[in-house]
Structures are given as structure tokens and as C-alpha cells.
Protein backbone atom coordinates (compact mmCIF):
# COMPACT_ATOMS: atom_id res chain seq x y z
CA MET A 1 107.88 219.21 67.63
CA ALA A 2 104.71 218.99 69.07
CA LYS A 3 103.32 215.41 70.05
CA ARG A 4 99.88 214.85 68.67
CA VAL A 5 97.51 213.31 70.71
CA VAL A 6 93.98 212.17 69.66
CA LEU A 7 90.81 211.27 71.29
CA ALA A 8 88.64 209.03 69.30
CA GLY A 9 85.38 209.50 70.62
CA GLY A 10 83.29 211.40 73.24
CA GLY A 11 82.38 208.62 76.01
CA HIS A 12 82.36 209.05 79.15
CA ALA A 13 85.97 208.14 80.24
CA HIS A 14 87.41 210.79 77.76
CA LEU A 15 85.31 213.51 79.48
CA ALA A 16 87.65 212.91 82.39
CA VAL A 17 90.44 213.36 80.10
CA LEU A 18 89.69 216.47 78.84
CA ALA A 19 88.87 217.66 82.38
CA ASP A 20 92.43 217.12 83.10
CA TRP A 21 93.28 218.62 79.81
CA ALA A 22 91.99 222.11 80.83
CA ARG A 23 93.19 221.73 84.41
CA ARG A 24 96.72 220.66 83.77
CA PRO A 25 97.90 221.66 80.29
CA MET A 26 100.11 219.76 78.17
CA PRO A 27 102.60 221.74 76.87
CA ASP A 28 104.06 220.79 73.29
CA THR A 29 101.60 218.57 72.49
CA GLU A 30 98.55 218.88 69.22
CA ARG A 31 95.50 217.56 70.94
CA LEU A 32 92.13 216.12 68.93
CA LEU A 33 89.01 214.71 69.37
CA VAL A 34 87.39 213.11 66.90
CA THR A 35 83.62 212.30 68.01
CA SER A 36 80.61 211.63 66.24
CA SER A 37 78.46 214.21 67.62
CA ARG A 38 79.29 217.66 69.30
CA HIS A 39 76.84 216.69 71.91
CA THR A 40 77.01 213.33 74.15
CA ALA A 41 74.12 211.55 76.35
CA TYR A 42 74.94 210.69 79.70
CA SER A 43 73.22 206.83 79.76
CA GLY A 44 72.14 206.68 83.34
CA MET A 45 69.90 209.60 82.80
CA PHE A 46 68.08 208.02 79.41
CA PRO A 47 65.93 205.72 80.86
CA GLY A 48 64.29 208.47 83.27
CA TRP A 49 63.75 210.75 80.20
CA LEU A 50 61.70 207.94 78.21
CA ALA A 51 60.03 208.06 81.75
CA GLY A 52 59.76 211.53 81.80
CA LEU A 53 61.79 212.49 84.85
CA TYR A 54 63.97 214.28 82.73
CA HIS A 55 64.20 216.66 79.96
CA ALA A 56 65.77 215.81 77.31
CA LYS A 57 68.44 218.84 77.61
CA ASP A 58 69.10 217.41 80.95
CA LEU A 59 70.97 214.30 79.89
CA PHE A 60 73.07 216.34 76.69
CA ILE A 61 76.67 217.47 77.34
CA ASP A 62 78.30 219.92 74.89
CA LEU A 63 81.98 218.61 74.70
CA ALA A 64 82.84 221.51 72.06
CA PRO A 65 83.31 223.84 75.08
CA LEU A 66 84.80 220.95 77.20
CA ALA A 67 87.48 220.49 74.02
CA GLU A 68 88.57 224.54 73.72
CA GLN A 69 89.08 224.61 77.33
CA ALA A 70 91.16 221.15 77.35
CA GLY A 71 93.02 223.17 74.32
CA ALA A 72 92.02 220.01 72.03
CA ARG A 73 90.11 220.42 68.35
CA MET A 74 86.85 218.87 67.82
CA ILE A 75 86.80 216.69 64.28
CA LEU A 76 83.19 215.72 63.99
CA ALA A 77 83.20 212.13 62.30
CA ASP A 78 83.17 208.72 63.04
CA VAL A 79 86.06 206.77 63.02
CA THR A 80 85.96 203.95 60.16
CA GLY A 81 89.03 202.43 60.37
CA MET A 82 92.57 202.36 62.15
CA ASP A 83 96.10 201.06 61.26
CA ALA A 84 98.34 200.93 64.63
CA ASP A 85 101.23 199.84 62.91
CA ALA A 86 101.18 202.87 60.95
CA ALA A 87 100.10 204.99 63.77
CA THR A 88 96.33 206.63 61.98
CA ILE A 89 93.00 206.44 61.61
CA SER A 90 90.26 206.59 59.17
CA LEU A 91 87.30 208.96 59.65
CA SER A 92 83.85 209.30 57.63
CA ASN A 93 84.72 212.48 56.22
CA GLY A 94 87.68 210.49 54.38
CA ARG A 95 90.65 211.85 56.38
CA HIS A 96 93.36 210.20 57.59
CA VAL A 97 94.77 211.22 60.87
CA GLU A 98 98.47 210.70 62.19
CA TYR A 99 98.85 210.28 65.86
CA ASP A 100 102.02 210.07 68.26
CA LEU A 101 99.14 208.61 71.10
CA VAL A 102 95.71 207.57 70.55
CA SER A 103 92.79 206.60 73.13
CA LEU A 104 89.97 204.81 71.72
CA ALA A 105 86.26 205.10 73.52
CA THR A 106 83.95 205.41 70.44
CA GLY A 107 81.61 203.25 72.07
CA GLY A 108 80.18 199.43 70.89
CA GLU A 109 77.83 198.73 68.07
CA THR A 110 74.39 197.88 69.26
CA ASP A 111 74.21 194.20 67.47
CA VAL A 112 71.02 193.62 65.82
CA SER A 113 71.85 191.39 62.92
CA ASN A 114 69.08 188.69 64.44
CA LEU A 115 66.68 191.38 64.24
CA ALA A 116 67.23 192.87 60.60
CA ALA A 117 63.74 191.87 59.35
CA LEU A 118 61.57 193.98 60.85
CA GLY A 119 62.82 196.87 58.90
CA GLU A 120 61.57 200.04 60.28
CA LYS A 121 59.67 198.31 63.44
CA LEU A 122 63.24 198.23 65.08
CA ILE A 123 64.71 201.02 66.96
CA PRO A 124 67.96 200.67 68.42
CA ALA A 125 69.31 201.85 72.34
CA LYS A 126 71.63 203.25 70.92
CA PRO A 127 72.95 205.74 69.93
CA VAL A 128 70.58 207.40 72.75
CA ASP A 129 70.19 210.64 70.55
CA ALA A 130 69.28 208.70 67.56
CA PHE A 131 66.67 206.51 69.57
CA MET A 132 65.05 210.02 71.40
CA GLU A 133 63.84 210.90 67.65
CA ARG A 134 62.96 207.86 66.61
CA TRP A 135 60.98 206.96 69.53
CA LYS A 136 59.35 211.05 68.94
CA ALA A 137 58.57 209.59 65.92
CA PHE A 138 56.99 206.16 67.21
CA LEU A 139 54.71 207.90 69.33
CA HIS A 140 53.37 210.04 66.67
CA ALA A 141 52.88 207.28 64.11
CA ILE A 142 50.88 205.25 66.94
CA ALA A 143 48.87 208.16 68.41
CA LEU A 144 45.37 206.74 66.97
CA LYS A 145 46.03 203.00 67.64
CA SER A 146 43.91 201.48 69.92
CA VAL A 147 46.27 198.80 71.12
CA VAL A 148 49.93 199.30 71.38
CA GLU A 149 52.55 196.61 71.56
CA VAL A 150 55.87 197.29 72.33
CA ALA A 151 58.90 194.41 72.87
CA VAL A 152 62.54 195.24 74.70
CA VAL A 153 64.86 192.52 73.85
CA GLY A 154 67.42 192.11 75.97
CA GLY A 155 67.75 190.94 79.35
CA GLY A 156 70.41 193.18 80.87
CA ALA A 157 70.37 196.38 83.00
CA ALA A 158 69.86 198.21 80.25
CA GLY A 159 66.99 196.51 79.14
CA VAL A 160 65.33 195.87 81.90
CA GLU A 161 65.50 199.76 83.29
CA LEU A 162 64.21 200.25 79.38
CA ALA A 163 61.29 198.17 80.07
CA MET A 164 59.97 199.52 82.65
CA ALA A 165 60.63 203.44 81.37
CA ILE A 166 58.50 202.57 78.06
CA SER A 167 55.90 201.12 80.02
CA VAL A 168 55.57 204.24 82.01
CA SER A 169 55.50 206.25 78.45
CA LEU A 170 53.41 204.57 76.82
CA ARG A 171 50.69 204.25 79.32
CA ARG A 172 51.26 208.20 79.66
CA HIS A 173 49.53 208.45 76.06
CA PHE A 174 47.84 205.21 75.36
CA THR A 175 45.42 203.14 76.61
CA PRO A 176 45.89 199.73 77.10
CA ALA A 177 49.87 199.50 75.76
CA ARG A 178 51.46 196.46 76.39
CA VAL A 179 55.09 195.88 76.84
CA SER A 180 57.39 192.63 76.62
CA LEU A 181 60.66 191.94 77.85
CA VAL A 182 62.73 189.28 75.90
CA ALA A 183 65.59 187.86 77.49
CA ALA A 184 68.16 185.26 76.26
CA ASP A 185 69.90 183.85 79.35
CA GLY A 186 67.55 182.39 80.89
CA SER A 187 67.27 184.76 83.58
CA ILE A 188 67.58 188.50 83.80
CA LEU A 189 70.41 190.74 84.97
CA ALA A 190 72.86 188.28 84.57
CA GLY A 191 75.67 188.50 86.74
CA HIS A 192 73.66 190.13 89.18
CA SER A 193 72.77 188.51 92.71
CA MET A 194 69.49 187.12 93.00
CA ALA A 195 68.01 189.29 95.37
CA VAL A 196 68.42 192.14 92.91
CA GLN A 197 66.88 189.70 89.81
CA ARG A 198 63.96 189.25 92.86
CA LEU A 199 63.68 192.90 93.10
CA ALA A 200 63.68 193.43 89.17
CA LEU A 201 61.59 190.86 88.97
CA ASP A 202 58.56 192.20 91.02
CA ALA A 203 59.08 195.86 89.46
CA LEU A 204 58.46 194.25 85.83
CA ARG A 205 55.58 192.00 87.57
CA ASP A 206 54.00 195.66 89.14
CA ARG A 207 54.33 197.06 85.88
CA GLU A 208 52.52 194.36 84.40
CA ILE A 209 55.30 193.44 82.13
CA THR A 210 55.62 189.96 80.31
CA VAL A 211 59.06 188.57 80.80
CA HIS A 212 59.75 185.94 77.84
CA TYR A 213 62.93 183.52 78.80
CA ALA A 214 64.07 183.01 75.21
CA THR A 215 66.06 184.04 71.88
CA ALA A 216 64.59 186.18 69.30
CA VAL A 217 64.15 186.55 65.21
CA GLY A 218 63.06 189.84 63.80
CA THR A 219 60.03 189.12 61.31
CA ASP A 220 58.10 191.22 59.63
CA SER A 221 55.34 191.81 61.75
CA GLY A 222 57.32 191.08 64.90
CA LEU A 223 59.25 188.29 67.10
CA LEU A 224 59.49 184.57 66.37
CA LEU A 225 60.36 182.88 69.75
CA SER A 226 63.17 180.28 69.87
CA ASP A 227 59.72 178.84 72.33
CA GLY A 228 58.40 178.85 69.38
CA THR A 229 55.78 182.09 70.60
CA GLU A 230 55.38 184.83 67.50
CA LEU A 231 54.78 188.36 69.15
CA LYS A 232 52.92 190.73 66.75
CA LEU A 233 54.24 193.96 67.90
CA ASP A 234 54.27 197.91 66.57
CA CYS A 235 57.81 198.45 67.78
CA VAL A 236 61.32 196.39 69.15
CA VAL A 237 63.55 198.15 70.85
CA ALA A 238 66.79 196.13 70.79
CA ALA A 239 69.07 196.84 73.83
CA THR A 240 71.43 193.50 72.89
CA GLY A 241 74.45 194.97 74.25
CA SER A 242 77.31 196.02 72.52
CA ARG A 243 79.75 194.50 70.33
CA ALA A 244 83.10 195.79 69.05
CA PRO A 245 82.93 197.62 65.83
CA SER A 246 84.09 195.61 62.72
CA TRP A 247 86.86 198.20 61.91
CA LEU A 248 89.14 196.72 65.08
CA ALA A 249 89.68 193.57 63.75
CA ARG A 250 91.43 195.21 60.79
CA SER A 251 93.58 197.63 63.07
CA THR A 252 96.47 195.45 63.50
CA LEU A 253 95.94 196.21 67.08
CA SER A 254 96.00 192.90 69.68
CA CYS A 255 92.38 191.97 69.49
CA THR A 256 90.56 189.17 71.13
CA ARG A 257 88.67 186.42 68.78
CA GLU A 258 84.96 188.97 69.36
CA GLY A 259 87.53 191.37 68.25
CA TYR A 260 87.87 193.59 71.66
CA VAL A 261 91.01 195.48 72.43
CA GLU A 262 93.11 193.41 74.63
CA VAL A 263 94.77 196.37 77.52
CA GLY A 264 96.28 195.52 80.71
CA ALA A 265 95.38 197.51 84.09
CA ASP A 266 96.49 200.17 82.67
CA LEU A 267 94.72 201.09 79.67
CA ARG A 268 97.17 200.13 77.35
CA SER A 269 97.16 198.12 74.31
CA ARG A 270 98.77 194.66 74.37
CA SER A 271 101.03 195.06 71.04
CA HIS A 272 101.05 199.09 70.38
CA CYS A 273 102.35 201.02 73.57
CA ASN A 274 101.23 204.10 71.85
CA ALA A 275 97.25 202.86 71.74
CA PHE A 276 94.87 203.28 75.11
CA ALA A 277 91.07 201.88 75.01
CA ALA A 278 88.29 201.69 77.32
CA GLY A 279 84.50 201.51 77.61
CA ASP A 280 82.73 198.92 75.52
CA LEU A 281 85.69 198.12 73.19
CA ILE A 282 88.03 196.69 75.46
CA GLU A 283 88.74 193.19 76.94
CA ARG A 284 90.97 192.89 80.05
CA ILE A 285 93.94 190.56 79.96
CA ASP A 286 94.45 190.46 83.67
CA ARG A 287 90.96 190.32 85.16
CA LYS A 288 87.70 190.54 83.73
CA VAL A 289 85.60 193.41 84.18
CA GLU A 290 82.32 194.27 83.09
CA ARG A 291 81.66 196.13 80.44
CA SER A 292 79.32 198.98 81.63
CA GLY A 293 79.07 203.01 81.87
CA VAL A 294 79.78 203.02 85.43
CA HIS A 295 83.68 201.16 84.52
CA ALA A 296 83.80 203.64 81.55
CA VAL A 297 82.90 207.32 84.00
CA LYS A 298 85.82 205.55 86.90
CA ALA A 299 88.46 204.33 84.62
CA GLY A 300 88.13 207.92 82.77
CA PRO A 301 90.98 209.69 85.87
CA VAL A 302 93.63 206.35 85.44
CA LEU A 303 93.27 206.91 81.15
CA ALA A 304 93.57 210.32 82.19
CA ALA A 305 97.00 210.17 83.98
CA ASN A 306 98.81 207.04 81.84
CA LEU A 307 97.77 209.39 78.69
CA SER A 308 100.15 211.96 80.61
CA ALA A 309 102.54 209.80 81.43
CA ALA A 310 103.46 208.00 78.35
CA LEU A 311 104.15 211.39 76.57
CA GLN A 312 106.89 211.81 79.99
CA ASP A 313 107.82 208.09 79.97
CA ALA A 314 106.35 208.03 83.66
CA PRO A 315 105.03 204.69 85.37
CA MET A 316 101.67 204.10 84.86
CA GLN A 317 98.80 203.68 87.12
CA ALA A 318 96.30 200.45 87.21
CA TYR A 319 92.21 200.85 87.38
CA ASN A 320 91.71 198.51 89.93
CA PRO A 321 87.59 198.30 90.04
CA ARG A 322 86.72 197.49 93.74
CA GLN A 323 85.59 193.92 94.86
CA ARG A 324 82.10 195.47 94.87
CA THR A 325 80.49 197.92 92.52
CA LEU A 326 77.64 200.16 93.37
CA TYR A 327 74.84 199.99 90.81
CA LEU A 328 71.26 201.86 91.01
CA LEU A 329 68.70 200.54 87.95
CA SER A 330 65.72 203.44 88.05
CA THR A 331 62.52 201.39 87.91
CA ALA A 332 61.07 204.63 86.10
CA ASP A 333 58.42 205.46 88.68
CA ARG A 334 61.15 207.84 91.03
CA ARG A 335 62.47 204.37 92.56
CA ALA A 336 65.32 202.46 92.28
CA ILE A 337 67.39 199.05 93.18
CA LEU A 338 70.19 199.48 94.95
CA SER A 339 72.72 196.87 94.63
CA TRP A 340 76.42 196.77 96.41
CA GLY A 341 77.98 193.37 96.73
CA LYS A 342 74.87 190.61 97.83
CA LEU A 343 72.81 193.97 99.70
CA ALA A 344 70.11 194.83 97.44
CA VAL A 345 67.25 197.17 98.32
CA ALA A 346 64.77 199.03 96.61
CA GLY A 347 63.02 202.21 97.38
CA ALA A 348 62.53 206.09 96.87
CA TRP A 349 65.90 207.09 98.50
CA ALA A 350 67.52 204.66 96.42
CA TRP A 351 66.15 206.80 93.53
CA LYS A 352 67.30 210.20 94.92
CA LEU A 353 70.30 209.24 95.47
CA LYS A 354 70.80 207.54 92.06
CA ASP A 355 69.22 211.41 90.73
CA TRP A 356 71.70 212.98 92.82
CA ILE A 357 74.77 211.24 91.49
CA ASP A 358 73.66 211.57 87.61
CA ARG A 359 72.82 215.34 87.67
CA ASN A 360 75.93 215.87 90.15
CA PHE A 361 78.23 214.42 87.01
CA VAL A 362 76.15 215.99 84.59
CA GLU A 363 76.42 219.40 85.58
CA GLN A 364 80.45 218.91 86.76
CA GLN A 365 80.98 218.95 83.18
CA ARG A 366 79.24 221.76 82.11
CA LEU A 367 81.77 224.11 82.59
CA GLN A 368 80.03 227.10 80.99
CA GLU A 369 77.34 229.23 82.16
CA GLY A 370 74.16 229.18 79.79
CA LEU A 371 75.84 225.89 78.30
CA GLU A 372 72.64 224.56 75.69
CA ALA A 373 71.82 221.00 74.84
CA PRO A 374 70.31 220.06 71.27
CA TRP A 375 66.57 220.57 72.23
CA GLN A 376 65.46 223.05 73.81
CA GLY A 377 61.31 222.79 73.79
CA LYS A 378 59.69 222.23 77.25
CA GLY A 379 58.21 218.94 78.19
CA GLU A 380 59.62 215.73 78.27
CA TYR A 381 59.72 215.30 74.39
């Protein structure tokens, strides 16, 4: 009988799996792709859309033709539960899907528990498509305001890029507009070199973005910071990083105390040999690997190879990131900060490199001519 292989989530890592299946059809298998949306946004270009550097259609990859070429049936639903012992996943449409082999790349959840009191003023950075709709509605709602005040909570790469992009976006529409960045760790871009942090601070200063090193709690009027500062705001964007989905802790998979799936270098579950995972859901048991889109993309080919190997009882490959990883942070002005180990530089050429890498990645996924994206209007929004 055909073995059922399920890809749960349409994230960056699974794009490589679909491409592998299209190139090398897998005999005697039934393949399923479970995804919450037909279109997936490439996160690397998201801040550029905010800054007006990309059209919305530039960001989105249509999963339907990719699944079709891969011979996979697509199911539009969220994963809401899993029983790894019984080899089943539960979906938001009420279905329970059995599998012989499963790969999880559904992405994490944005932690907004401390910001919930903001109500409609709060816009989580993910999912990207929901943010884009909320942001467009926000711009329309504040069209007549004389002063616009926005804060981004989160001092990581996403928060820094979004703060600069939001500043550009607002000042294209409103004068004056004030943007704040709230970083809880006492610094921005923790884990990056001091040189990168200095370049980012210079770019934030050039945008007149105020940086607060404090934790934040949402109120009905804005944010209350741990240093006693109160910010009256029209909008708060949450870029607080992702946490593991709550259903993972009940999945019977071996997970960390924080709920992340424990995997080895082969991306295979520590407890269940028929389960793999990648992206924001995992914690490597053999080494520390940062959760980022860069690693999700680079781990994709290894994940594809190991899913095939698991079906054939063949040796596994290992995803071993290089000691130094190339990072490119957009400063929203057709410039970027490049980081490679201790090297940190900024300039227009770094943006051109980032733009080329991002566009090339998206174009590689567009396997059919005339592939349409979910938004077709002209202009940035």
C-alpha cells in the first residue's frame, strides 16, 4: 500500500521539499500539503513592502502549482493538534489525518500575552498576509490625524527592520510621524556583533526612531514600560519573536520545556522516527541554531533528502550550518547592513545583494508562467 507523507505547513523549508518531489517523483506514496493559506509570503521582502520598495505581489508564492507539480494534494486548514503515538494530526476543519511520515513546518506563534490590553491597536507582525491587511486599514483610519505615533516591540532583526520600514511608510503619508522601538534585552540585535548593533543604531537614529531598552505591557492607550515611561500610541506592532504552538506540548513528541520539538542534525524527532520538523518549531539537541528564516531555507534541501531516505531506510543527511552565516538587514532606503562573522558593513551595494538574493529565491518558486499573487492592484499597497 502507498505510504502517506504529510507536510504540515507551507513554510520556507517545505518549499524545498515540494521542489524535490517535483524533480524526483516518489513512487508508492500519497503526498499531502496542509497549509493555512494557498499563498505563502517570503519574509525577507516583507519590510521592503512596508517601505514601498516592493509590490505586494512580489512577496507571495502560490503553493497550489508547486503542490500540483510535486504530486501533492493541498488541504487548506490549520494544524490544531497532533498525536504522534497514533500518527495523526488534527485540523481546524475537524478532520484527523493519519500519516506514515510527517514533516512539521507550521511556524511559531507571536507572543502577545503582555500586549493584549491594546485591543485593536495591536498588530502582530505574523502572519504576514494578516499584517498587510491590518496595516492598510490602519493607514486609512488615521488619514486625518495630525500626528501619528507607532511603536514596534521587539529588538531582534525583525523588529529593527520593521521599525525603519514603518518610519518610511508613515512619513510617505503623514507629517509628522513618530516611531519608537522597544527592546527588552538591554540591546538591539542580541547575538549579532557590536559592529552590527552600532550600524543598526546609526540607521535608527537617521530615521529619528527612539529606542527604549525596557519591557513593555500593553494598556488601552499604548505601552507602559518597565522604566516607568508611558507611551501614548495609535498602533503597536508586535515583533516579539515566536513561541512554539500550544498544541505541540500535547503532541506526545519529545519537546523542550518551552514546547519546541527536539530534533537532531537530521531534523528528525528525538522520540518518533516517522516525524521531522524544521523552522521556528524546533530545538536542536546537538547544537545551538538560531531560529531564523535563513536556517529554515537552508535546512530545506536536507529535510527533503531525509524524508526520502526515511521511506527507503537509507542513511540520513545532517544540516550543519556554517560557523558564519550571512545576514542582510534592510534599512528601508535601498541600503542594507551586511553581517558575516565579525565583518559588518552597510551600503547600497549590500541592498542590491539582498534584493538579488530575495528576488531570486521567489522566482525559483514560480514554476509556471503567469503565476498570480493574491493582490493585483498597482502601487505598493
